[in-house]
Protein backbone atom coordinates (compact mmCIF):
# COMPACT_ATOMS: atom_id res chain seq x y z
CA MET A 1 -0.16 -0.28 0.00
CA ILE A 2 1.57 3.55 -0.98
CA PRO A 3 1.24 5.67 1.98
CA GLU A 4 0.21 9.35 1.68
CA LEU A 5 2.60 11.82 0.92
CA SER A 6 2.95 15.41 1.91
CA PRO A 7 1.74 17.78 0.48
CA PRO A 8 -0.93 16.21 -1.63
CA ILE A 9 0.51 16.22 -5.35
CA GLU A 10 -2.74 18.69 -6.28
CA ALA A 11 -1.31 21.35 -4.18
CA ILE A 12 1.81 21.24 -5.76
CA GLU A 13 0.01 21.01 -9.21
CA ARG A 14 -1.49 24.13 -8.36
CA ARG A 15 1.63 26.09 -7.18
CA HIS A 16 3.87 25.43 -10.35
CA LEU A 17 1.57 24.62 -13.11
CA GLY A 18 -1.86 26.11 -11.83
CA LEU A 19 -3.11 29.51 -10.55
CA ALA A 20 -0.37 30.23 -7.87
CA ASP A 21 -0.66 32.44 -5.24
CA GLY A 22 2.19 34.50 -7.14
CA LEU A 23 0.41 34.72 -10.40
CA ILE A 24 -2.73 36.44 -8.76
CA ALA A 25 -0.65 38.66 -6.96
CA ARG A 26 1.13 40.07 -10.17
CA ALA A 27 -2.12 39.88 -11.75
CA GLU A 28 -3.77 42.17 -9.20
CA ALA A 29 -0.80 44.50 -9.52
CA HIS A 30 -0.94 44.43 -13.32
CA ASP A 31 2.68 43.38 -13.05
CA LEU A 32 2.37 40.93 -15.64
CA PRO A 33 2.18 41.09 -19.82
CA ARG A 34 -1.31 41.72 -20.77
CA ASP A 35 -1.88 38.58 -22.63
CA VAL A 36 -0.42 36.49 -19.61
CA GLU A 37 -2.79 38.64 -16.81
CA GLY A 38 -5.52 38.17 -19.40
CA LYS A 39 -4.92 34.09 -19.22
CA VAL A 40 -4.47 34.45 -15.38
CA ARG A 41 -7.73 36.10 -15.16
CA SER A 42 -9.64 33.86 -17.46
CA HIS A 43 -7.96 30.84 -15.51
CA PRO A 44 -10.87 28.26 -14.05
CA ASP A 45 -9.71 28.84 -10.92
CA TRP A 46 -9.86 32.19 -10.50
CA THR A 47 -13.45 32.40 -8.75
CA ALA A 48 -12.15 30.05 -6.19
CA TYR A 49 -8.99 31.62 -5.50
CA GLY A 50 -8.24 34.88 -7.52
CA VAL A 51 -9.74 36.86 -4.42
CA PRO A 52 -7.60 40.02 -2.85
CA LEU A 53 -5.36 38.97 -0.27
CA GLU A 54 -7.58 40.46 2.53
CA THR A 55 -10.42 39.02 1.69
CA ALA A 56 -8.90 35.83 2.16
CA GLU A 57 -7.26 36.79 5.56
CA ALA A 58 -10.66 37.97 6.84
CA GLY A 59 -12.14 34.66 6.16
CA LEU A 60 -9.19 32.70 7.83
CA ALA A 61 -9.24 35.05 11.10
CA ALA A 62 -12.61 33.75 12.13
CA ARG A 63 -11.66 29.78 12.28
CA PRO A 64 -7.57 29.71 13.59
CA LEU A 65 -5.99 26.23 13.27
CA PRO A 66 -3.06 25.13 15.28
CA MET A 67 0.45 25.31 13.50
CA PRO A 68 1.27 22.49 11.56
CA GLU A 69 4.81 20.80 12.87
CA TYR A 70 6.23 20.97 9.34
CA ILE A 71 5.50 24.67 9.14
CA LYS A 72 6.97 25.30 12.62
CA GLU A 73 10.09 23.65 11.11
CA ALA A 74 10.03 25.73 7.79
CA ILE A 75 10.16 28.70 10.12
CA GLU A 76 12.99 27.97 12.14
CA ARG A 77 15.04 26.77 8.91
CA ARG A 78 14.16 30.22 7.54
CA VAL A 79 15.38 31.90 10.67
CA ARG A 80 18.63 30.11 10.52
CA LEU A 81 18.87 30.63 6.90
CA ALA A 82 18.26 34.71 7.25
CA ARG A 83 21.21 34.74 9.60
CA ALA A 84 23.77 32.90 7.22
CA ARG A 85 26.10 34.93 4.90
CA PHE A 86 27.30 33.41 1.77
CA ASP A 87 29.80 34.13 -0.78
CA PRO A 88 28.59 36.60 -3.80
CA PRO A 89 26.80 34.92 -6.51
CA PRO A 90 26.62 33.21 -8.44
CA ARG A 91 29.20 30.61 -7.59
CA PRO A 92 29.32 26.42 -8.16
CA GLY A 93 27.74 24.88 -5.15
CA GLN A 94 25.18 27.75 -4.46
CA ILE A 95 21.43 27.40 -4.34
CA VAL A 96 19.57 30.30 -5.61
CA ARG A 97 16.39 31.42 -6.20
CA VAL A 98 14.59 32.37 -9.55
CA ALA A 99 11.21 34.24 -9.29
CA ARG A 100 11.19 35.40 -12.71
CA LEU A 101 11.99 35.14 -16.53
CA PRO A 102 14.31 37.61 -17.90
CA ASP A 103 12.82 41.30 -19.07
CA GLY A 104 11.05 40.23 -22.08
CA HIS A 105 10.62 36.76 -22.43
CA GLU A 106 7.35 36.61 -20.59
CA ALA A 107 5.74 38.39 -23.13
CA ARG A 108 7.63 36.60 -25.91
CA LEU A 109 6.54 33.25 -24.31
CA GLY A 110 3.30 33.99 -23.21
CA ALA A 111 3.63 32.80 -19.75
CA ALA A 112 5.34 33.37 -16.43
CA LEU A 113 6.44 31.45 -13.26
CA GLY A 114 3.50 30.43 -11.16
CA SER A 115 5.77 30.12 -8.09
CA PRO A 116 9.56 30.87 -7.61
CA LEU A 117 11.78 27.75 -8.83
CA HIS A 118 15.37 27.07 -7.10
CA VAL A 119 18.04 25.77 -8.98
CA LEU A 120 21.69 24.53 -7.67
CA LEU A 121 24.21 26.16 -9.78
CA ASP A 122 26.91 23.61 -11.17
CA GLY A 123 28.75 26.06 -13.33
CA PRO A 124 28.59 28.68 -16.07
CA ALA A 125 27.92 27.25 -19.51
CA PRO A 126 29.18 29.94 -22.04
CA GLU A 127 29.12 26.82 -24.98
CA ALA A 128 24.84 26.91 -24.27
CA GLY A 129 24.84 30.58 -24.83
CA PRO A 130 26.22 33.87 -23.04
CA GLY A 131 25.32 34.46 -19.68
CA LEU A 132 24.13 31.18 -19.01
CA TRP A 133 24.62 28.45 -15.99
CA TYR A 134 23.99 24.85 -16.14
CA GLY A 135 22.11 23.44 -12.86
CA TRP A 136 19.74 21.18 -11.38
CA LEU A 137 15.99 22.18 -10.08
CA CYS A 138 15.74 22.11 -6.63
CA ALA A 139 12.25 21.03 -4.42
CA GLY A 140 11.12 20.62 -1.10
CA GLU A 141 8.70 17.67 -1.17
CA THR A 142 11.18 15.40 0.40
CA ASP A 143 8.33 12.54 0.56
CA TYR A 144 8.67 12.55 -3.14
CA ALA A 145 12.26 11.78 -3.37
CA GLY A 146 13.22 9.42 -6.13
CA TRP A 147 16.69 7.52 -6.86
CA PHE A 148 17.94 10.21 -8.51
CA ASP A 149 16.97 13.09 -5.86
CA PHE A 150 19.68 14.31 -3.64
CA VAL A 151 18.32 15.03 -0.25
CA LEU A 152 20.31 17.61 1.72
CA GLN A 153 21.32 16.70 5.14
CA ASP A 154 21.18 19.13 8.53
CA GLY A 155 24.23 19.82 9.56
CA GLU A 156 26.58 18.95 6.42
CA ASP A 157 24.14 21.44 4.03
CA GLU A 158 23.22 23.65 6.59
CA PRO A 159 21.38 26.47 6.17
CA PHE A 160 18.89 25.75 3.32
CA GLU A 161 15.33 27.30 2.01
CA PRO A 162 12.90 24.54 2.90
CA ASP A 163 11.67 24.94 -0.35
CA ALA A 164 14.96 23.76 -1.63
CA ALA A 165 15.81 20.40 0.21
CA MET A 166 16.44 18.08 -2.35
CA VAL A 167 18.57 18.18 -5.97
CA GLN A 168 16.94 16.69 -8.89
CA VAL A 169 19.85 15.87 -10.93
CA TRP A 170 17.28 13.99 -13.41
CA ASN A 171 16.00 17.64 -14.20
CA PRO A 172 18.75 19.61 -15.32
CA VAL A 173 18.32 23.27 -16.67
CA HIS A 174 20.38 26.32 -18.11
CA VAL A 175 19.54 29.40 -16.37
CA PRO A 176 20.37 32.97 -17.34
CA GLU A 177 22.50 34.75 -15.00
CA GLY A 178 20.44 38.16 -14.86
CA VAL A 179 17.78 36.07 -13.01
CA LEU A 180 19.57 34.62 -10.50
CA GLY A 181 18.11 35.80 -7.39
CA PRO A 182 19.07 35.41 -3.46
CA VAL A 183 21.26 32.57 -2.20
CA GLU A 184 19.50 30.04 -0.17
CA ALA A 185 22.37 27.45 0.21
CA GLN A 186 25.59 27.05 -0.52
CA LEU A 187 26.96 23.65 -0.76
CA SER A 188 30.95 22.81 0.11
CA PRO A 189 32.93 21.53 -2.78
CA ALA A 190 32.78 17.69 -1.54
CA ARG A 191 28.90 17.91 -1.41
CA LEU A 192 28.84 19.61 -4.89
CA ALA A 193 31.13 16.55 -5.82
CA ALA A 194 28.70 14.29 -4.47
CA VAL A 195 25.61 15.94 -6.47
CA ARG A 196 27.74 15.63 -9.82
CA ALA A 197 28.52 11.99 -9.12
CA LEU A 198 24.57 11.15 -8.66
CA ALA A 199 23.93 13.38 -11.88
CA ALA A 200 26.79 11.04 -13.83
CA ASP A 201 25.17 7.82 -12.39
CA CYS A 202 21.77 9.18 -13.86
CA LEU A 203 23.25 9.61 -16.97
CA THR A 204 24.83 6.38 -17.12
CA ALA A 205 22.42 4.15 -15.49
CA GLU A 206 21.25 1.67 -18.02
CA ALA A 207 19.26 -0.97 -15.63
CA GLY A 208 16.88 -0.20 -12.86
CA PRO A 209 18.48 -0.99 -9.42
CA GLU A 210 17.18 -4.03 -7.84
CA THR A 211 16.33 -1.72 -4.68
CA PRO A 212 12.05 -2.03 -4.09
CA PRO A 213 10.28 1.42 -4.79
CA LEU A 214 9.15 2.92 -1.62
CA PRO A 215 7.56 6.23 -1.87
CA GLY A 216 8.50 8.61 1.52
CA ARG A 217 11.48 6.77 2.58
CA VAL A 218 15.02 8.07 1.90
CA ALA A 219 17.73 6.14 2.76
CA LEU A 220 21.72 6.36 2.21
CA ARG A 221 23.51 4.69 -1.20
CA ARG A 222 26.29 5.15 -3.23
CA ALA A 223 27.21 7.28 -5.91
CA GLY A 224 30.82 6.91 -7.11
CA ASP A 225 32.84 7.59 -4.11
CA PHE A 226 30.47 9.31 -2.59
CA TRP A 227 27.59 8.32 0.12
CA VAL A 228 24.55 10.35 -0.57
CA ALA A 229 20.70 10.39 0.35
CA THR A 230 17.85 10.09 -1.90
CA GLY A 231 14.75 8.03 -2.53
CA THR A 232 13.94 4.80 -3.42
CA PRO A 233 13.40 3.91 -7.41
CA LEU A 234 10.03 4.60 -8.87
CA GLY A 235 7.55 1.97 -8.93
CA GLY A 236 4.42 1.26 -11.25
CA GLU A 237 1.89 3.45 -12.88
CA SER A 238 0.67 4.12 -9.06
CA ASP A 239 3.53 5.50 -7.60
CA PRO A 240 2.42 9.12 -6.85
CA ARG A 241 6.19 10.40 -7.99
CA HIS A 242 5.65 9.72 -11.81
CA ARG A 243 2.89 12.61 -11.39
CA TYR A 244 5.33 14.59 -9.16
CA GLN A 245 8.22 14.49 -11.33
CA ALA A 246 5.96 15.52 -14.44
CA VAL A 247 5.06 18.53 -12.54
CA TYR A 248 8.52 19.64 -11.88
CA ALA A 249 9.62 18.70 -15.74
CA GLN A 250 6.81 21.25 -16.78
CA ALA A 251 7.82 23.82 -14.20
CA ALA A 252 11.29 23.42 -15.54
CA ASP A 253 10.69 24.11 -19.14
CA ALA A 254 10.16 27.64 -18.52
CA LEU A 255 13.51 28.14 -17.78
CA ARG A 256 14.63 25.80 -21.11
CA LEU A 257 12.34 27.90 -22.94
CA SER A 258 14.00 31.03 -21.86
CA SER A 259 17.41 30.11 -22.27
CA ALA A 260 16.33 28.81 -25.76
CA LEU A 261 15.64 32.66 -26.33
CA VAL A 262 19.08 33.42 -25.08
CA GLN A 263 20.49 30.74 -27.25
CA GLU A 264 18.23 32.48 -30.28
CA ASP A 265 19.05 36.04 -29.63
CA ALA A 266 22.59 35.36 -29.50
CA ALA A 267 22.59 33.46 -32.75
CA GLU A 268 20.84 36.66 -34.32
CA ALA A 269 23.16 38.75 -32.99
CA ARG A 270 26.10 36.79 -34.66
CA GLY A 271 24.37 37.15 -38.01
CA ARG A 272 23.55 40.99 -37.58
CA SER A 273 27.38 41.25 -36.24
CA TRP A 274 28.56 39.48 -40.11
CA ARG A 275 26.15 41.32 -42.09
CA LEU A 276 27.74 44.70 -40.50
CA ARG A 277 31.08 43.34 -41.12
CA GLU A 278 30.32 43.01 -44.66
CA TRP A 279 28.71 45.84 -45.00
CA PHE A 280 32.19 48.06 -43.54
CA ARG A 281 34.06 46.08 -45.64
CA GLY A 282 32.24 47.05 -48.70
CA LEU A 283 31.25 50.77 -48.25
CA ALA A 284 34.83 52.20 -50.15
CA GLY A 285 33.50 50.48 -53.00
CA ARG A 286 29.81 52.08 -52.92
CA VAL A 287 30.59 55.20 -51.71
CA PRO A 288 33.08 57.28 -53.57
CA ASP A 289 33.49 59.99 -50.89
CA LEU A 290 35.04 57.37 -48.65
CA SER A 291 38.51 56.22 -48.90
CA PRO A 292 40.57 53.66 -47.07
CA ALA A 293 42.76 55.24 -44.38
CA PRO A 294 45.42 54.13 -41.88
CA LEU A 295 44.61 52.25 -38.64
CA ALA A 296 44.58 54.36 -35.69
CA ALA A 297 44.47 53.78 -31.87
CA PRO A 298 41.68 51.05 -30.82
CA MET A 299 38.23 52.93 -30.69
CA ALA A 300 36.41 53.23 -27.62
CA ALA A 301 34.29 49.83 -28.34
CA GLY A 302 37.38 48.11 -27.92
CA GLY A 303 39.99 45.99 -29.24
CA PRO A 304 41.18 46.81 -32.71
CA ALA A 305 39.08 47.52 -35.82
CA ASP A 306 39.45 44.22 -37.58
CA THR A 307 37.68 45.56 -40.99
CA GLY A 308 40.08 48.42 -41.42
CA ALA A 309 39.49 51.99 -41.61
CA LEU A 310 37.24 54.37 -44.11
CA ARG A 311 37.65 58.61 -44.03
CA TRP A 312 35.42 61.12 -45.40
CA THR A 313 37.76 63.21 -46.97
CA GLU A 314 35.40 66.26 -47.50
CA GLY A 315 34.28 66.18 -43.84
CA GLY A 316 37.50 65.27 -42.16
CA LEU A 317 35.59 62.15 -40.18
CA ARG A 318 37.31 58.82 -39.73
CA LEU A 319 35.07 55.65 -39.67
CA GLU A 320 36.28 52.63 -38.03
CA LEU A 321 34.27 49.42 -36.76
CA ALA A 322 35.33 47.51 -33.58
CA GLY A 323 34.24 45.36 -30.43
CA ASP A 324 31.71 42.60 -30.17
CA PRO A 325 29.53 42.75 -30.94
CA PRO A 326 30.82 45.32 -33.18
CA ARG A 327 29.89 49.07 -32.86
CA LEU A 328 30.60 51.80 -35.84
CA GLY A 329 33.00 54.29 -34.15
CA MET A 330 33.41 57.84 -35.95
CA VAL A 331 36.32 60.43 -35.12
CA ASN A 332 36.31 64.14 -35.85
CA GLU A 333 39.94 64.83 -37.15
CA SER A 334 38.81 68.46 -38.31
CA ASP A 335 38.35 71.26 -36.64
CA GLN A 336 34.78 71.92 -37.11
CA ALA A 337 32.01 70.44 -35.54
CA ALA A 338 30.07 67.51 -37.13
CA VAL A 339 25.96 66.66 -36.32
CA VAL A 340 25.41 62.60 -36.97
CA PHE A 341 21.65 61.61 -37.25
CA VAL A 342 20.36 57.79 -37.35
CA PHE A 343 17.25 57.54 -38.94
CA ARG A 344 14.24 54.54 -38.28
CA THR A 345 12.96 52.55 -41.75
CA ASP A 346 10.31 55.26 -41.87
CA GLY A 347 12.78 57.99 -42.42
CA LEU A 348 12.09 59.48 -38.82
CA PRO A 349 15.29 60.61 -36.87
CA LEU A 350 16.54 57.74 -34.14
CA ASP A 351 19.12 59.32 -32.29
CA ARG A 352 20.88 62.47 -32.96
CA TYR A 353 24.83 63.26 -31.91
CA ASP A 354 27.23 66.51 -32.04
CA LEU A 355 30.55 65.52 -32.78
CA ARG A 356 33.25 68.12 -31.61
CA PRO A 357 36.58 69.10 -33.31
CA ALA A 358 38.84 65.93 -31.97
CA GLY A 359 35.74 63.95 -30.38
CA ARG A 360 35.03 60.49 -31.08
CA LEU A 361 31.20 58.25 -31.40
CA ASP A 362 30.79 54.87 -30.62
CA LEU A 363 27.56 53.98 -32.18
CA ASP A 364 25.49 50.77 -32.06
CA ILE A 365 23.83 50.87 -35.40
CA LEU A 366 22.46 47.22 -35.09
CA SER A 367 19.36 48.39 -33.82
CA GLU A 368 16.35 46.86 -36.00
CA ASP A 369 15.24 50.07 -36.36
CA ALA A 370 18.48 51.99 -37.49
CA ALA A 371 18.27 52.09 -41.40
CA ARG A 372 20.34 55.27 -42.14
CA LEU A 373 23.19 57.29 -41.18
CA ARG A 374 23.82 60.90 -42.03
CA ALA A 375 26.65 63.20 -40.95
CA GLU A 376 26.78 66.79 -41.73
CA LYS A 377 29.84 69.38 -41.73
CA GLY A 378 30.55 72.34 -43.10
CA GLY A 379 27.39 72.12 -45.59
CA GLN A 380 28.65 68.83 -46.88
CA ALA A 381 27.02 65.45 -46.11
CA LEU A 382 27.97 61.74 -46.07
CA ASP A 383 24.56 59.54 -46.18
CA LEU A 384 25.16 55.50 -45.87
CA GLU A 385 22.46 53.18 -45.86
CA LEU A 386 22.47 50.44 -42.81
CA PRO A 387 22.33 46.98 -43.38
CA GLN A 388 19.10 45.41 -42.85
CA GLY A 389 18.32 42.09 -41.31
CA ASP A 390 16.97 39.15 -43.56
């Protein structure tokens, strides 16, 4: 007979996949993209749960209930956590809170995190995308621990956030560095090595262990050279841990989709950078007023210009492309001020700059709205059509 696990799986589903309290609060504060707020307010459970907080509190005040022991224990753990002093984040071995997706991602995905997630950081993953970290999702419902859930231990891993009491090494994620929130635990190098050993076992395990499935039980076992505390293997279809893992796999999908957007944006930026460099290399052949010029000192964008330099002889301006992503540098080598405009695709001005004698500009012309650049000086003008995306 399968014991009753705590909390109920329905409560876990609502917290991460349903109409969670955090979503209700953000909808009430109009702190969600419009289409996401519309989905929240049209949710079938909005009538039951989407009530102002003070209304809910007033209803509870009339029938006070004794505080369960597990809530008392969680409060005590959070008090100890609040007193802790961790290394500045992000660092490998830290468990961090992720409350939101990066700016703009909620609107692009049409979704938001139902409740904060917790991630144990393994290390930066620049090969996956700029600013991404690799790690594993963490959760607090240790009753649902499976064979590849690393359960944190009092004494060895304290203090830690109760909602991050076990590491789901079966549920790896990439997380943008910009959304990494407060540190909620910091594992020692030895304990992080133990997590990595269990994760390696998860990747290489070919057959199920002989240990019987016992939901709600945690025991010590070997993972590589380490002793680790985990749950038991999952059982048949009636084992509620299948449904539990499905909830957290779907919750982690929000981070995976957000990381995919980071990778997509990086690929798009690389393509636009390549087009900009090709555009600059061909300018001298297309614009008679421009001629090759010797390279000067590196521009403010950083690094030497890798596409050569051009000079607008009549206007006394030097153009260089430098940096990654590349930025267009303009130097006024004359004794007269110049004015530089960047125009949008609809012909309206996007930016205007005053370029003093001996002054420099560092222009970001990779914006999708930037279509034309115009420099004016002493009654002369230089017009350049900027490269456009595919």
